[in-house]
Amino acid sequence: MGKHRVAFFRTYRVRPGQKIHILDGPRRGDWEVVAADERAVRVRCPISGREFDWKPLCHFVEERDGVEWPSVEGETPA
């Protein structure tokens, strides 16, 4: 263990009917949320109408220096 620069992410809670736009990566583009819970998100492409099930989405929150890494299980680094 030691002190490192660590990036933090948080689960983003989407809701059915929400229109989202993913800026980059293989899922980039416009999507409509069809269904969502803590384990899965179902989205629909507004062009093709195809639907996909994904794990919940995360987004970058912040990056911190001097964080103990790896952290102790269940403990959020201060």
PDB file of N, CA and C in Angstrom:
ATOM      1  N   MET A   1       0.847  -1.181   0.000  1.00  0.00           N
ATOM      2  CA  MET A   1       0.000   0.000   0.000  1.00  0.00           C
ATOM      3  C   MET A   1       0.887   1.236   0.000  1.00  0.00           C
ATOM      4  N   GLY A   2       0.344   2.310  -0.473  1.00  0.00           N
ATOM      5  CA  GLY A   2       1.065   3.568  -0.510  1.00  0.00           C
ATOM      6  C   GLY A   2       0.154   4.669  -0.990  1.00  0.00           C
ATOM      7  N   LYS A   3       0.719   5.844  -1.119  1.00  0.00           N
ATOM      8  CA  LYS A   3      -0.060   7.004  -1.570  1.00  0.00           C
ATOM      9  C   LYS A   3       0.086   7.135  -3.082  1.00  0.00           C
ATOM     10  N   HIS A   4      -1.047   7.329  -3.773  1.00  0.00           N
ATOM     11  CA  HIS A   4      -1.069   7.398  -5.230  1.00  0.00           C
ATOM     12  C   HIS A   4      -2.047   8.462  -5.698  1.00  0.00           C
ATOM     13  N   ARG A   5      -1.991   8.777  -6.996  1.00  0.00           N
ATOM     14  CA  ARG A   5      -3.000   9.627  -7.637  1.00  0.00           C
ATOM     15  C   ARG A   5      -4.120   8.686  -8.080  1.00  0.00           C
ATOM     16  N   VAL A   6      -5.345   8.932  -7.605  1.00  0.00           N
ATOM     17  CA  VAL A   6      -6.464   8.008  -7.825  1.00  0.00           C
ATOM     18  C   VAL A   6      -7.634   8.753  -8.457  1.00  0.00           C
ATOM     19  N   ALA A   7      -8.248   8.166  -9.489  1.00  0.00           N
ATOM     20  CA  ALA A   7      -9.452   8.726 -10.130  1.00  0.00           C
ATOM     21  C   ALA A   7     -10.675   8.087  -9.483  1.00  0.00           C
ATOM     22  N   PHE A   8     -11.679   8.909  -9.179  1.00  0.00           N
ATOM     23  CA  PHE A   8     -12.906   8.442  -8.536  1.00  0.00           C
ATOM     24  C   PHE A   8     -14.074   8.516  -9.510  1.00  0.00           C
ATOM     25  N   PHE A   9     -14.936   7.484  -9.477  1.00  0.00           N
ATOM     26  CA  PHE A   9     -16.111   7.408 -10.332  1.00  0.00           C
ATOM     27  C   PHE A   9     -17.331   7.165  -9.459  1.00  0.00           C
ATOM     28  N   ARG A  10     -18.473   7.606  -9.930  1.00  0.00           N
ATOM     29  CA  ARG A  10     -19.720   7.429  -9.196  1.00  0.00           C
ATOM     30  C   ARG A  10     -20.763   6.866 -10.170  1.00  0.00           C
ATOM     31  N   THR A  11     -21.601   5.935  -9.692  1.00  0.00           N
ATOM     32  CA  THR A  11     -22.682   5.407 -10.518  1.00  0.00           C
ATOM     33  C   THR A  11     -23.677   6.523 -10.799  1.00  0.00           C
ATOM     34  N   TYR A  12     -24.072   6.651 -12.055  1.00  0.00           N
ATOM     35  CA  TYR A  12     -25.059   7.660 -12.428  1.00  0.00           C
ATOM     36  C   TYR A  12     -26.411   6.974 -12.541  1.00  0.00           C
ATOM     37  N   ARG A  13     -27.371   7.392 -11.768  1.00  0.00           N
ATOM     38  CA  ARG A  13     -28.707   6.783 -11.757  1.00  0.00           C
ATOM     39  C   ARG A  13     -29.558   7.389 -12.873  1.00  0.00           C
ATOM     40  N   VAL A  14     -29.752   6.635 -13.950  1.00  0.00           N
ATOM     41  CA  VAL A  14     -30.620   7.093 -15.036  1.00  0.00           C
ATOM     42  C   VAL A  14     -32.043   6.653 -14.746  1.00  0.00           C
ATOM     43  N   ARG A  15     -33.006   7.255 -15.432  1.00  0.00           N
ATOM     44  CA  ARG A  15     -34.414   6.905 -15.210  1.00  0.00           C
ATOM     45  C   ARG A  15     -35.087   6.642 -16.557  1.00  0.00           C
ATOM     46  N   PRO A  16     -36.070   5.749 -16.589  1.00  0.00           N
ATOM     47  CA  PRO A  16     -36.784   5.450 -17.828  1.00  0.00           C
ATOM     48  C   PRO A  16     -37.336   6.718 -18.470  1.00  0.00           C
ATOM     49  N   GLY A  17     -37.197   6.787 -19.800  1.00  0.00           N
ATOM     50  CA  GLY A  17     -37.664   7.942 -20.560  1.00  0.00           C
ATOM     51  C   GLY A  17     -36.602   9.010 -20.745  1.00  0.00           C
ATOM     52  N   GLN A  18     -35.517   8.924 -19.984  1.00  0.00           N
ATOM     53  CA  GLN A  18     -34.457   9.927 -20.068  1.00  0.00           C
ATOM     54  C   GLN A  18     -33.694   9.780 -21.382  1.00  0.00           C
ATOM     55  N   LYS A  19     -33.401  10.921 -22.008  1.00  0.00           N
ATOM     56  CA  LYS A  19     -32.580  10.951 -23.219  1.00  0.00           C
ATOM     57  C   LYS A  19     -31.150  11.236 -22.772  1.00  0.00           C
ATOM     58  N   ILE A  20     -30.191  10.409 -23.221  1.00  0.00           N
ATOM     59  CA  ILE A  20     -28.798  10.614 -22.837  1.00  0.00           C
ATOM     60  C   ILE A  20     -27.922  10.670 -24.084  1.00  0.00           C
ATOM     61  N   HIS A  21     -26.772  11.302 -23.954  1.00  0.00           N
ATOM     62  CA  HIS A  21     -25.784  11.346 -25.031  1.00  0.00           C
ATOM     63  C   HIS A  21     -24.439  10.977 -24.427  1.00  0.00           C
ATOM     64  N   ILE A  22     -23.823   9.911 -24.929  1.00  0.00           N
ATOM     65  CA  ILE A  22     -22.514   9.469 -24.461  1.00  0.00           C
ATOM     66  C   ILE A  22     -21.480  10.063 -25.406  1.00  0.00           C
ATOM     67  N   LEU A  23     -20.526  10.790 -24.837  1.00  0.00           N
ATOM     68  CA  LEU A  23     -19.583  11.569 -25.635  1.00  0.00           C
ATOM     69  C   LEU A  23     -18.515  10.758 -26.347  1.00  0.00           C
ATOM     70  N   ASP A  24     -18.078   9.631 -25.778  1.00  0.00           N
ATOM     71  CA  ASP A  24     -17.001   8.891 -26.436  1.00  0.00           C
ATOM     72  C   ASP A  24     -17.086   7.407 -26.109  1.00  0.00           C
ATOM     73  N   GLY A  25     -16.196   6.640 -26.722  1.00  0.00           N
ATOM     74  CA  GLY A  25     -16.157   5.202 -26.496  1.00  0.00           C
ATOM     75  C   GLY A  25     -17.086   4.454 -27.433  1.00  0.00           C
ATOM     76  N   PRO A  26     -17.126   3.132 -27.317  1.00  0.00           N
ATOM     77  CA  PRO A  26     -17.929   2.320 -28.231  1.00  0.00           C
ATOM     78  C   PRO A  26     -19.437   2.543 -28.102  1.00  0.00           C
ATOM     79  N   ARG A  27     -19.888   3.119 -27.004  1.00  0.00           N
ATOM     80  CA  ARG A  27     -21.323   3.380 -26.804  1.00  0.00           C
ATOM     81  C   ARG A  27     -21.698   4.824 -27.117  1.00  0.00           C
ATOM     82  N   ARG A  28     -20.783   5.579 -27.716  1.00  0.00           N
ATOM     83  CA  ARG A  28     -21.036   7.008 -27.943  1.00  0.00           C
ATOM     84  C   ARG A  28     -22.274   7.214 -28.804  1.00  0.00           C
ATOM     85  N   GLY A  29     -22.946   8.333 -28.556  1.00  0.00           N
ATOM     86  CA  GLY A  29     -24.125   8.672 -29.334  1.00  0.00           C
ATOM     87  C   GLY A  29     -25.338   8.906 -28.461  1.00  0.00           C
ATOM     88  N   ASP A  30     -26.488   9.004 -29.120  1.00  0.00           N
ATOM     89  CA  ASP A  30     -27.756   9.280 -28.448  1.00  0.00           C
ATOM     90  C   ASP A  30     -28.474   7.979 -28.095  1.00  0.00           C
ATOM     91  N   TRP A  31     -29.076   7.963 -26.895  1.00  0.00           N
ATOM     92  CA  TRP A  31     -29.799   6.800 -26.403  1.00  0.00           C
ATOM     93  C   TRP A  31     -30.996   7.255 -25.589  1.00  0.00           C
ATOM     94  N   GLU A  32     -32.035   6.416 -25.577  1.00  0.00           N
ATOM     95  CA  GLU A  32     -33.168   6.640 -24.684  1.00  0.00           C
ATOM     96  C   GLU A  32     -33.166   5.517 -23.655  1.00  0.00           C
ATOM     97  N   VAL A  33     -33.314   5.860 -22.391  1.00  0.00           N
ATOM     98  CA  VAL A  33     -33.347   4.857 -21.328  1.00  0.00           C
ATOM     99  C   VAL A  33     -34.738   4.229 -21.311  1.00  0.00           C
ATOM    100  N   VAL A  34     -34.789   2.908 -21.485  1.00  0.00           N
ATOM    101  CA  VAL A  34     -36.047   2.166 -21.503  1.00  0.00           C
ATOM    102  C   VAL A  34     -36.389   1.679 -20.093  1.00  0.00           C
ATOM    103  N   ALA A  35     -35.389   1.163 -19.385  1.00  0.00           N
ATOM    104  CA  ALA A  35     -35.575   0.654 -18.024  1.00  0.00           C
ATOM    105  C   ALA A  35     -34.248   0.771 -17.290  1.00  0.00           C
ATOM    106  N   ALA A  36     -34.317   0.884 -15.970  1.00  0.00           N
ATOM    107  CA  ALA A  36     -33.084   0.988 -15.191  1.00  0.00           C
ATOM    108  C   ALA A  36     -33.334   0.564 -13.752  1.00  0.00           C
ATOM    109  N   ASP A  37     -32.383  -0.171 -13.203  1.00  0.00           N
ATOM    110  CA  ASP A  37     -32.368  -0.468 -11.779  1.00  0.00           C
ATOM    111  C   ASP A  37     -30.910  -0.508 -11.346  1.00  0.00           C
ATOM    112  N   GLU A  38     -30.642  -0.995 -10.132  1.00  0.00           N
ATOM    113  CA  GLU A  38     -29.269  -0.968  -9.634  1.00  0.00           C
ATOM    114  C   GLU A  38     -28.348  -1.964 -10.323  1.00  0.00           C
ATOM    115  N   ARG A  39     -28.909  -2.916 -11.091  1.00  0.00           N
ATOM    116  CA  ARG A  39     -28.081  -3.923 -11.744  1.00  0.00           C
ATOM    117  C   ARG A  39     -27.987  -3.805 -13.258  1.00  0.00           C
ATOM    118  N   ALA A  40     -28.935  -3.113 -13.900  1.00  0.00           N
ATOM    119  CA  ALA A  40     -28.929  -3.054 -15.362  1.00  0.00           C
ATOM    120  C   ALA A  40     -29.622  -1.795 -15.874  1.00  0.00           C
ATOM    121  N   VAL A  41     -29.193  -1.393 -17.061  1.00  0.00           N
ATOM    122  CA  VAL A  41     -29.803  -0.268 -17.768  1.00  0.00           C
ATOM    123  C   VAL A  41     -30.142  -0.763 -19.169  1.00  0.00           C
ATOM    124  N   ARG A  42     -31.395  -0.607 -19.591  1.00  0.00           N
ATOM    125  CA  ARG A  42     -31.790  -0.960 -20.958  1.00  0.00           C
ATOM    126  C   ARG A  42     -31.957   0.342 -21.716  1.00  0.00           C
ATOM    127  N   VAL A  43     -31.230   0.443 -22.852  1.00  0.00           N
ATOM    128  CA  VAL A  43     -31.289   1.650 -23.674  1.00  0.00           C
ATOM    129  C   VAL A  43     -31.742   1.295 -25.083  1.00  0.00           C
ATOM    130  N   ARG A  44     -32.297   2.291 -25.772  1.00  0.00           N
ATOM    131  CA  ARG A  44     -32.770   2.112 -27.147  1.00  0.00           C
ATOM    132  C   ARG A  44     -32.105   3.161 -28.029  1.00  0.00           C
ATOM    133  N   CYS A  45     -31.628   2.730 -29.195  1.00  0.00           N
ATOM    134  CA  CYS A  45     -31.099   3.652 -30.195  1.00  0.00           C
ATOM    135  C   CYS A  45     -32.284   4.349 -30.856  1.00  0.00           C
ATOM    136  N   PRO A  46     -32.302   5.703 -30.902  1.00  0.00           N
ATOM    137  CA  PRO A  46     -33.439   6.408 -31.492  1.00  0.00           C
ATOM    138  C   PRO A  46     -33.514   6.273 -33.018  1.00  0.00           C
ATOM    139  N   ILE A  47     -32.433   5.835 -33.646  1.00  0.00           N
ATOM    140  CA  ILE A  47     -32.405   5.681 -35.107  1.00  0.00           C
ATOM    141  C   ILE A  47     -32.863   4.281 -35.523  1.00  0.00           C
ATOM    142  N   SER A  48     -32.198   3.250 -34.994  1.00  0.00           N
ATOM    143  CA  SER A  48     -32.495   1.875 -35.401  1.00  0.00           C
ATOM    144  C   SER A  48     -33.591   1.224 -34.560  1.00  0.00           C
ATOM    145  N   GLY A  49     -33.824   1.749 -33.355  1.00  0.00           N
ATOM    146  CA  GLY A  49     -34.796   1.135 -32.454  1.00  0.00           C
ATOM    147  C   GLY A  49     -34.253  -0.072 -31.706  1.00  0.00           C
ATOM    148  N   ARG A  50     -32.996  -0.449 -31.976  1.00  0.00           N
ATOM    149  CA  ARG A  50     -32.391  -1.596 -31.283  1.00  0.00           C
ATOM    150  C   ARG A  50     -32.208  -1.282 -29.811  1.00  0.00           C
ATOM    151  N   GLU A  51     -32.394  -2.294 -28.963  1.00  0.00           N
ATOM    152  CA  GLU A  51     -32.250  -2.130 -27.521  1.00  0.00           C
ATOM    153  C   GLU A  51     -31.081  -2.961 -27.012  1.00  0.00           C
ATOM    154  N   PHE A  52     -30.430  -2.435 -25.979  1.00  0.00           N
ATOM    155  CA  PHE A  52     -29.267  -3.083 -25.387  1.00  0.00           C
ATOM    156  C   PHE A  52     -29.372  -3.020 -23.873  1.00  0.00           C
ATOM    157  N   ASP A  53     -28.898  -4.070 -23.212  1.00  0.00           N
ATOM    158  CA  ASP A  53     -28.802  -4.081 -21.756  1.00  0.00           C
ATOM    159  C   ASP A  53     -27.346  -3.853 -21.375  1.00  0.00           C
ATOM    160  N   TRP A  54     -27.132  -2.865 -20.535  1.00  0.00           N
ATOM    161  CA  TRP A  54     -25.794  -2.520 -20.066  1.00  0.00           C
ATOM    162  C   TRP A  54     -25.756  -2.565 -18.556  1.00  0.00           C
ATOM    163  N   LYS A  55     -24.548  -2.660 -18.020  1.00  0.00           N
ATOM    164  CA  LYS A  55     -24.362  -2.458 -16.587  1.00  0.00           C
ATOM    165  C   LYS A  55     -24.582  -0.973 -16.326  1.00  0.00           C
ATOM    166  N   PRO A  56     -24.932  -0.585 -15.099  1.00  0.00           N
ATOM    167  CA  PRO A  56     -25.157   0.835 -14.806  1.00  0.00           C
ATOM    168  C   PRO A  56     -23.976   1.708 -15.229  1.00  0.00           C
ATOM    169  N   LEU A  57     -24.287   2.935 -15.631  1.00  0.00           N
ATOM    170  CA  LEU A  57     -23.285   3.867 -16.124  1.00  0.00           C
ATOM    171  C   LEU A  57     -22.544   4.543 -14.976  1.00  0.00           C
ATOM    172  N   CYS A  58     -21.273   4.826 -15.191  1.00  0.00           N
ATOM    173  CA  CYS A  58     -20.469   5.562 -14.218  1.00  0.00           C
ATOM    174  C   CYS A  58     -19.925   6.812 -14.888  1.00  0.00           C
ATOM    175  N   HIS A  59     -19.591   7.803 -14.088  1.00  0.00           N
ATOM    176  CA  HIS A  59     -18.947   8.987 -14.638  1.00  0.00           C
ATOM    177  C   HIS A  59     -17.853   9.454 -13.696  1.00  0.00           C
ATOM    178  N   PHE A  60     -16.866  10.118 -14.285  1.00  0.00           N
ATOM    179  CA  PHE A  60     -15.720  10.621 -13.538  1.00  0.00           C
ATOM    180  C   PHE A  60     -16.164  11.702 -12.574  1.00  0.00           C
ATOM    181  N   VAL A  61     -15.697  11.644 -11.345  1.00  0.00           N
ATOM    182  CA  VAL A  61     -16.030  12.649 -10.341  1.00  0.00           C
ATOM    183  C   VAL A  61     -14.834  13.554 -10.089  1.00  0.00           C
ATOM    184  N   GLU A  62     -13.695  12.968  -9.745  1.00  0.00           N
ATOM    185  CA  GLU A  62     -12.507  13.767  -9.468  1.00  0.00           C
ATOM    186  C   GLU A  62     -11.279  12.877  -9.422  1.00  0.00           C
ATOM    187  N   GLU A  63     -10.115  13.504  -9.420  1.00  0.00           N
ATOM    188  CA  GLU A  63      -8.852  12.808  -9.267  1.00  0.00           C
ATOM    189  C   GLU A  63      -8.137  13.453  -8.084  1.00  0.00           C
ATOM    190  N   ARG A  64      -7.574  12.622  -7.197  1.00  0.00           N
ATOM    191  CA  ARG A  64      -6.919  13.140  -5.991  1.00  0.00           C
ATOM    192  C   ARG A  64      -5.503  12.587  -5.883  1.00  0.00           C
ATOM    193  N   ASP A  65      -4.604  13.404  -5.364  1.00  0.00           N
ATOM    194  CA  ASP A  65      -3.239  12.976  -5.056  1.00  0.00           C
ATOM    195  C   ASP A  65      -3.167  12.534  -3.602  1.00  0.00           C
ATOM    196  N   GLY A  66      -2.192  11.672  -3.297  1.00  0.00           N
ATOM    197  CA  GLY A  66      -1.923  11.292  -1.922  1.00  0.00           C
ATOM    198  C   GLY A  66      -2.961  10.401  -1.285  1.00  0.00           C
ATOM    199  N   VAL A  67      -3.607   9.554  -2.081  1.00  0.00           N
ATOM    200  CA  VAL A  67      -4.657   8.668  -1.571  1.00  0.00           C
ATOM    201  C   VAL A  67      -4.069   7.280  -1.336  1.00  0.00           C
ATOM    202  N   GLU A  68      -4.388   6.676  -0.185  1.00  0.00           N
ATOM    203  CA  GLU A  68      -3.978   5.293   0.073  1.00  0.00           C
ATOM    204  C   GLU A  68      -4.650   4.392  -0.954  1.00  0.00           C
ATOM    205  N   TRP A  69      -3.839   3.607  -1.651  1.00  0.00           N
ATOM    206  CA  TRP A  69      -4.376   2.723  -2.673  1.00  0.00           C
ATOM    207  C   TRP A  69      -3.584   1.435  -2.678  1.00  0.00           C
ATOM    208  N   PRO A  70      -4.198   0.266  -2.673  1.00  0.00           N
ATOM    209  CA  PRO A  70      -5.641   0.074  -2.653  1.00  0.00           C
ATOM    210  C   PRO A  70      -6.223   0.450  -1.294  1.00  0.00           C
ATOM    211  N   SER A  71      -7.514   0.818  -1.316  1.00  0.00           N
ATOM    212  CA  SER A  71      -8.191   1.200  -0.075  1.00  0.00           C
ATOM    213  C   SER A  71      -8.661  -0.052   0.652  1.00  0.00           C
ATOM    214  N   VAL A  72      -8.953   0.095   1.916  1.00  0.00           N
ATOM    215  CA  VAL A  72      -9.489  -1.004   2.712  1.00  0.00           C
ATOM    216  C   VAL A  72     -10.917  -1.252   2.237  1.00  0.00           C
ATOM    217  N   GLU A  73     -11.304  -2.513   2.041  1.00  0.00           N
ATOM    218  CA  GLU A  73     -12.636  -2.879   1.545  1.00  0.00           C
ATOM    219  C   GLU A  73     -13.732  -2.171   2.322  1.00  0.00           C
ATOM    220  N   GLY A  74     -14.644  -1.518   1.588  1.00  0.00           N
ATOM    221  CA  GLY A  74     -15.776  -0.849   2.198  1.00  0.00           C
ATOM    222  C   GLY A  74     -15.469   0.539   2.724  1.00  0.00           C
ATOM    223  N   GLU A  75     -14.242   0.984   2.599  1.00  0.00           N
ATOM    224  CA  GLU A  75     -13.849   2.299   3.110  1.00  0.00           C
ATOM    225  C   GLU A  75     -13.631   3.255   1.942  1.00  0.00           C
ATOM    226  N   THR A  76     -14.238   4.426   1.994  1.00  0.00           N
ATOM    227  CA  THR A  76     -14.057   5.434   0.959  1.00  0.00           C
ATOM    228  C   THR A  76     -12.864   6.297   1.333  1.00  0.00           C
ATOM    229  N   PRO A  77     -11.865   6.409   0.443  1.00  0.00           N
ATOM    230  CA  PRO A  77     -10.706   7.245   0.759  1.00  0.00           C
ATOM    231  C   PRO A  77     -11.115   8.687   1.013  1.00  0.00           C
ATOM    232  N   ALA A  78     -10.502   9.291   2.013  1.00  0.00           N
ATOM    233  CA  ALA A  78     -10.809  10.693   2.357  1.00  0.00           C
ATOM    234  C   ALA A  78     -10.127  11.653   1.404  1.00  0.00           C
TER     235      ALA A  78
END
